[in-house]
Protein backbone atom coordinates (compact mmCIF):
# COMPACT_ATOMS: atom_id res chain seq x y z
CA MET A 1 125.01 115.22 126.40
CA SER A 2 125.64 113.22 123.11
CA ALA A 3 125.33 114.97 119.80
CA PRO A 4 122.12 114.39 117.82
CA ALA A 5 122.21 111.56 115.23
CA ILE A 6 121.44 114.14 112.58
CA GLU A 7 121.78 117.86 112.81
CA VAL A 8 120.84 120.31 109.99
CA LEU A 9 121.88 123.92 110.50
CA GLN A 10 120.50 126.69 108.36
CA VAL A 11 120.99 124.69 105.14
CA HIS A 12 120.19 126.29 101.82
CA LYS A 13 120.27 124.61 98.33
CA THR A 14 119.46 125.95 94.96
CA PHE A 15 119.57 124.55 91.44
CA ALA A 16 120.17 126.35 88.16
CA THR A 17 117.51 125.78 85.50
CA GLY A 18 116.68 127.37 82.15
CA GLY A 19 114.31 129.75 83.86
CA GLY A 20 116.71 130.82 86.66
CA ARG A 21 117.54 129.32 90.05
CA VAL A 22 115.15 127.06 91.85
CA VAL A 23 115.27 127.11 95.63
CA ALA A 24 114.94 123.52 96.85
CA VAL A 25 115.87 123.89 100.46
CA ASP A 26 115.55 127.30 102.12
CA ASP A 27 117.29 127.97 105.63
CA VAL A 28 116.23 124.61 107.10
CA SER A 29 117.36 123.58 110.62
CA PHE A 30 116.34 120.53 112.63
CA ALA A 31 117.90 117.76 114.69
CA ILE A 32 117.07 114.07 115.34
CA PRO A 33 118.12 112.42 118.52
CA ALA A 34 119.77 108.98 118.38
CA GLY A 35 117.16 106.35 118.05
CA GLY A 36 114.44 108.76 116.90
CA VAL A 37 112.35 108.74 113.77
CA LEU A 38 111.57 112.09 111.98
CA GLY A 39 108.98 111.79 109.25
CA VAL A 40 109.21 114.54 106.58
CA VAL A 41 106.00 115.09 104.54
CA GLY A 42 104.84 117.47 101.79
CA GLU A 43 103.83 117.58 98.17
CA SER A 44 106.11 116.55 95.30
CA GLY A 45 108.69 119.36 94.73
CA CYS A 46 108.79 120.67 98.29
CA GLY A 47 112.43 119.64 98.88
CA LYS A 48 112.09 116.37 100.71
CA SER A 49 114.43 114.22 98.48
CA THR A 50 116.94 117.15 98.12
CA MET A 51 117.13 117.28 101.91
CA ALA A 52 117.76 113.50 101.97
CA ARG A 53 120.55 113.77 99.49
CA LEU A 54 122.17 116.60 101.43
CA ILE A 55 122.19 114.53 104.62
CA LEU A 56 123.66 111.63 102.81
CA GLY A 57 126.43 113.73 101.44
CA LEU A 58 125.30 113.15 97.78
CA LEU A 59 124.74 116.91 97.39
CA ALA A 60 126.66 119.78 98.97
CA PRO A 61 124.66 122.77 100.46
CA ASP A 62 125.08 126.23 99.10
CA SER A 63 125.23 127.37 102.72
CA GLY A 64 124.77 125.98 106.18
CA GLU A 65 125.97 122.65 107.52
CA VAL A 66 124.84 119.01 107.91
CA LYS A 67 126.30 116.96 110.80
CA VAL A 68 125.81 113.23 111.63
CA GLU A 69 126.73 112.26 115.12
CA GLY A 70 128.53 115.64 115.57
CA GLN A 71 130.69 115.24 112.44
CA ALA A 72 130.27 117.55 109.42
CA VAL A 73 129.16 115.41 106.43
CA SER A 74 131.21 117.69 104.02
CA GLY A 75 134.43 116.76 105.78
CA MET A 76 133.92 113.12 106.26
CA ASP A 77 135.76 110.33 104.35
CA ARG A 78 133.34 108.63 101.92
CA LYS A 79 133.92 105.15 103.36
CA ALA A 80 133.63 106.37 106.93
CA ARG A 81 130.33 108.16 106.01
CA ALA A 82 128.99 105.03 104.45
CA ARG A 83 129.61 103.04 107.65
CA LEU A 84 127.60 105.54 109.58
CA ILE A 85 124.66 106.48 107.38
CA GLN A 86 122.87 104.62 104.49
CA PRO A 87 119.88 105.19 102.28
CA VAL A 88 116.88 103.17 101.21
CA PHE A 89 115.41 104.64 98.09
CA GLN A 90 111.89 104.66 96.62
CA ASP A 91 112.19 102.25 93.69
CA PRO A 92 114.15 99.06 94.56
CA PHE A 93 114.22 97.83 90.85
CA SER A 94 116.08 100.98 89.70
CA SER A 95 118.47 101.10 92.64
CA LEU A 96 119.61 97.45 92.24
CA ASN A 97 122.01 96.26 89.61
CA PRO A 98 119.84 94.09 87.36
CA LEU A 99 122.81 91.96 86.26
CA ALA A 100 124.04 91.10 89.76
CA ARG A 101 122.96 88.30 92.01
CA VAL A 102 121.22 89.38 95.20
CA LYS A 103 123.94 88.13 97.51
CA ASP A 104 126.54 90.15 95.48
CA ILE A 105 124.34 93.27 95.65
CA VAL A 106 124.17 92.99 99.42
CA ALA A 107 127.86 92.34 99.63
CA MET A 108 128.85 95.41 97.53
CA PRO A 109 129.21 97.93 100.42
CA LEU A 110 131.52 95.43 102.24
CA VAL A 111 133.63 94.88 99.17
CA ALA A 112 133.90 98.60 98.57
CA GLN A 113 135.33 99.12 102.05
CA GLY A 114 138.26 96.89 101.11
CA THR A 115 138.72 95.74 104.66
CA PHE A 116 136.56 92.57 104.93
CA GLY A 117 137.70 89.08 104.05
CA ARG A 118 135.65 86.69 101.91
CA ALA A 119 134.43 84.63 104.96
CA GLU A 120 133.31 87.69 106.90
CA ILE A 121 131.44 89.16 103.81
CA GLY A 122 129.63 85.79 103.29
CA ARG A 123 128.70 85.63 107.00
CA ARG A 124 127.35 89.13 107.06
CA VAL A 125 125.37 88.73 103.83
CA ASP A 126 123.79 85.51 105.00
CA GLU A 127 122.90 87.12 108.37
CA LEU A 128 121.29 90.17 106.73
CA LEU A 129 119.37 88.24 104.19
CA ALA A 130 117.85 86.09 106.93
CA ARG A 131 117.14 89.12 109.09
CA VAL A 132 115.01 90.81 106.34
CA GLY A 133 113.14 87.57 105.60
CA LEU A 134 114.96 86.30 102.44
CA SER A 135 116.15 82.70 102.02
CA ALA A 136 119.72 81.71 100.94
CA GLU A 137 118.22 80.51 97.66
CA MET A 138 116.91 83.98 96.91
CA GLY A 139 120.44 85.14 97.35
CA ARG A 140 121.36 83.43 94.15
CA ARG A 141 118.61 85.19 92.12
CA LEU A 142 118.61 88.24 89.98
CA PRO A 143 116.51 91.25 91.05
CA ALA A 144 114.05 90.63 88.21
CA GLU A 145 113.27 87.22 89.63
CA LEU A 146 111.91 88.84 92.88
CA SER A 147 108.76 90.68 93.75
CA GLY A 148 108.73 94.36 94.55
CA GLY A 149 108.65 93.68 98.23
CA GLN A 150 111.46 91.20 98.09
CA ARG A 151 113.57 93.67 96.10
CA GLN A 152 112.96 96.33 98.76
CA ARG A 153 114.08 93.78 101.41
CA VAL A 154 117.32 93.39 99.38
CA ALA A 155 117.78 97.12 99.40
CA ILE A 156 117.30 97.24 103.10
CA ALA A 157 119.75 94.38 103.60
CA ARG A 158 122.32 96.26 101.53
CA ALA A 159 121.79 99.33 103.50
CA LEU A 160 122.35 97.56 106.84
CA VAL A 161 125.24 95.28 105.93
CA LEU A 162 127.81 97.77 107.15
CA ARG A 163 125.88 98.19 110.37
CA PRO A 164 125.20 101.90 110.15
CA ARG A 165 123.45 103.71 112.92
CA ILE A 166 121.42 106.07 110.67
CA VAL A 167 119.21 105.22 107.76
CA VAL A 168 117.67 107.77 105.36
CA CYS A 169 114.38 106.25 104.01
CA ASP A 170 113.17 108.16 100.89
CA GLU A 171 109.70 106.98 100.06
CA PRO A 172 110.62 103.39 100.68
CA THR A 173 107.18 101.97 100.31
CA SER A 174 105.40 104.25 97.74
CA ALA A 175 106.28 101.84 94.81
CA LEU A 176 104.82 98.85 96.50
CA ASP A 177 101.30 97.42 96.85
CA VAL A 178 99.47 98.43 100.06
CA SER A 179 99.67 94.87 101.64
CA VAL A 180 103.37 94.77 100.96
CA GLN A 181 103.84 98.32 102.31
CA ALA A 182 102.64 97.09 105.74
CA GLN A 183 105.24 94.17 105.71
CA ILE A 184 108.05 96.57 104.84
CA LEU A 185 107.01 99.18 107.46
CA ASN A 186 106.84 96.42 110.15
CA LEU A 187 110.20 95.15 109.06
CA LEU A 188 111.74 98.68 109.28
CA ALA A 189 110.22 99.17 112.86
CA GLU A 190 111.56 95.81 113.91
CA LEU A 191 115.09 96.53 112.64
CA ARG A 192 115.03 99.98 114.38
CA ARG A 193 114.06 98.47 117.69
CA ASP A 194 116.53 95.61 117.42
CA LEU A 195 119.50 97.48 116.00
CA GLY A 196 119.02 100.93 117.71
CA LEU A 197 118.75 102.76 114.38
CA THR A 198 117.81 106.37 113.74
CA TYR A 199 115.57 107.06 110.75
CA LEU A 200 114.91 110.06 108.59
CA PHE A 201 111.64 108.88 106.91
CA ILE A 202 110.47 110.80 103.89
CA SER A 203 106.98 110.22 102.52
CA HIS A 204 103.99 111.85 101.02
CA ASN A 205 101.76 109.31 102.65
CA LEU A 206 100.53 110.75 105.99
CA ALA A 207 99.17 107.41 107.28
CA VAL A 208 102.53 105.86 106.84
CA VAL A 209 104.34 108.66 108.67
CA GLU A 210 101.83 108.54 111.48
CA HIS A 211 102.58 104.80 111.79
CA VAL A 212 106.38 105.09 111.92
CA ALA A 213 107.44 108.48 113.06
CA SER A 214 107.94 109.83 116.59
CA GLU A 215 108.14 113.49 115.14
CA VAL A 216 106.87 115.06 111.95
CA ALA A 217 108.13 117.95 109.85
CA VAL A 218 105.94 119.43 107.16
CA MET A 219 107.76 120.94 104.10
CA TYR A 220 106.45 123.51 101.69
CA LEU A 221 108.44 125.13 99.04
CA GLY A 222 111.83 124.31 100.68
CA ARG A 223 110.74 125.33 104.19
CA ILE A 224 109.73 123.35 107.22
CA VAL A 225 106.49 125.13 107.94
CA GLU A 226 105.50 122.98 110.90
CA ARG A 227 107.13 120.45 113.17
CA GLY A 228 105.98 118.62 116.32
CA SER A 229 105.50 115.25 117.85
CA THR A 230 103.43 112.90 115.83
CA ASP A 231 100.51 112.71 118.25
CA ALA A 232 100.37 116.54 118.71
CA LEU A 233 100.71 117.43 115.03
CA PHE A 234 98.03 114.97 113.96
CA ALA A 235 95.67 115.90 116.72
CA ARG A 236 96.20 119.63 116.71
CA PRO A 237 97.89 120.91 113.45
CA GLU A 238 98.51 124.58 113.55
CA HIS A 239 99.68 125.55 110.00
CA PRO A 240 96.86 125.85 107.31
CA TYR A 241 98.97 123.68 104.96
CA THR A 242 99.25 120.88 107.59
CA LYS A 243 95.48 121.04 108.02
CA ALA A 244 94.90 120.88 104.36
CA LEU A 245 97.20 117.84 104.01
CA LEU A 246 95.45 116.06 106.81
CA ALA A 247 92.09 116.93 105.36
CA SER A 248 93.11 115.50 101.97
CA VAL A 249 93.49 112.01 103.27
CA LEU A 250 91.01 109.62 101.67
CA THR A 251 88.82 107.47 103.85
CA PRO A 252 87.19 104.16 103.08
CA GLU A 253 83.72 105.48 103.83
CA PRO A 254 81.40 105.17 100.83
CA GLY A 255 79.97 108.25 99.20
CA LEU A 256 82.38 110.70 100.62
CA GLY A 257 84.31 111.06 97.31
CA VAL A 258 87.58 113.06 97.05
CA PRO A 259 87.80 115.75 99.79
CA ASP A 260 88.14 119.40 98.66
CA VAL A 261 90.68 121.03 100.95
CA GLY A 262 90.53 124.45 99.30
CA LEU A 263 94.05 124.61 97.91
CA GLY A 264 93.05 125.01 94.26
CA ASP A 265 94.49 123.33 91.19
CA ALA A 266 97.71 125.39 90.82
CA LEU A 267 100.88 123.74 92.25
CA PRO A 268 103.54 125.91 93.90
CA ASP A 269 106.36 127.09 91.62
CA PRO A 270 109.84 126.87 93.38
CA ALA A 271 111.28 129.07 90.62
CA ASN A 272 108.86 131.93 91.41
CA MET A 273 108.60 132.26 95.15
CA PRO A 274 105.80 134.49 96.42
CA PRO A 275 106.59 137.37 98.76
CA GLY A 276 105.69 137.11 102.46
CA CYS A 277 104.39 133.75 103.52
CA ARG A 278 105.02 131.40 100.56
CA PHE A 279 101.81 129.51 101.21
CA HIS A 280 99.58 132.59 101.12
CA PRO A 281 98.47 132.25 97.40
CA ARG A 282 96.82 128.94 98.31
CA CYS A 283 95.86 129.60 101.97
CA PRO A 284 92.15 129.79 102.56
CA VAL A 285 92.61 131.85 105.74
CA ALA A 286 95.41 134.31 104.61
CA GLU A 287 95.33 137.90 105.86
CA ALA A 288 96.75 141.00 104.23
CA ARG A 289 100.11 140.87 105.98
CA CYS A 290 100.58 137.23 104.81
CA ALA A 291 101.25 138.59 101.35
CA SER A 292 104.13 140.84 102.44
CA GLU A 293 105.50 139.66 105.66
CA SER A 294 107.29 136.40 106.26
CA PRO A 295 105.86 134.71 109.39
CA PRO A 296 108.05 133.99 112.34
CA LEU A 297 108.31 130.50 113.83
CA ARG A 298 105.67 130.28 116.64
CA LYS A 299 107.40 127.75 119.02
CA ARG A 300 105.73 125.07 120.95
CA ALA A 301 107.06 121.97 122.71
CA ASN A 302 109.24 119.98 120.24
CA GLY A 303 108.62 122.33 117.32
CA GLY A 304 106.30 124.97 116.10
CA ALA A 305 104.62 126.58 113.00
CA GLU A 306 105.63 129.29 110.65
CA CYS A 307 102.25 131.06 110.49
CA TRP A 308 100.89 134.38 111.65
CA LEU A 309 97.75 132.64 112.67
CA ALA A 310 99.33 129.76 114.57
């Protein structure tokens, strides 16, 4: 059996702050098979983006290990890692060099490898620009001369020009208009199908994750508190936090207003972890033991939930 495309093994990551150490990722483990799409959802500050940077090798874990295609990320050569796994970040404007032409931005990973000739670089750049729906004329423009959706297409072309097999998408559509979001999501789905890519797809938008992911992991204060197939998790969520996230989705029905999901106004504090289940201070169905005992993972097919009541 081939190794998973991405394998995260008991990874822990903290950061030092003025008020002490903040736990960003706490003993997280999961695997994504080749060709799969794992959607990671949760509130801001839950550890989603830190997890993305750990997988990309931009951060080193305090403990645990991250592997891509069976190789430890920490021991990989930087150029070899870039040929295997690439990111698409949230804001295409801040991730693109404002002074470089689009074709030079897309070519940059090839130039950095130092093994591609000028003709091969030009051919690959032209091929990727066309594949993501950008004309050769747009390749001569600066990022400021493009729309937000066009800039994200440039970022996607740059990520794919080395022909990686794994792409980490960190909120790739959240900075775009809704109509443009759909275009980018359809493009990402088409590229995955045509190129056989594996995606880790991070988002706070549950509707987006339901559309693109085959599996979903729900993070809360550095932990994955529930994971399962997309269909099962959206139809039968087991963790109270997952249920609250799904209940919070706005609907277009007039008169319903903003839903009250019973989580209160206080946001979780990663620098001050509660004892027991870390969700219990906001949980509408918490029991006495939830405040003192950490819940085990109640397993089910393709995942499970960390909850006494699951």
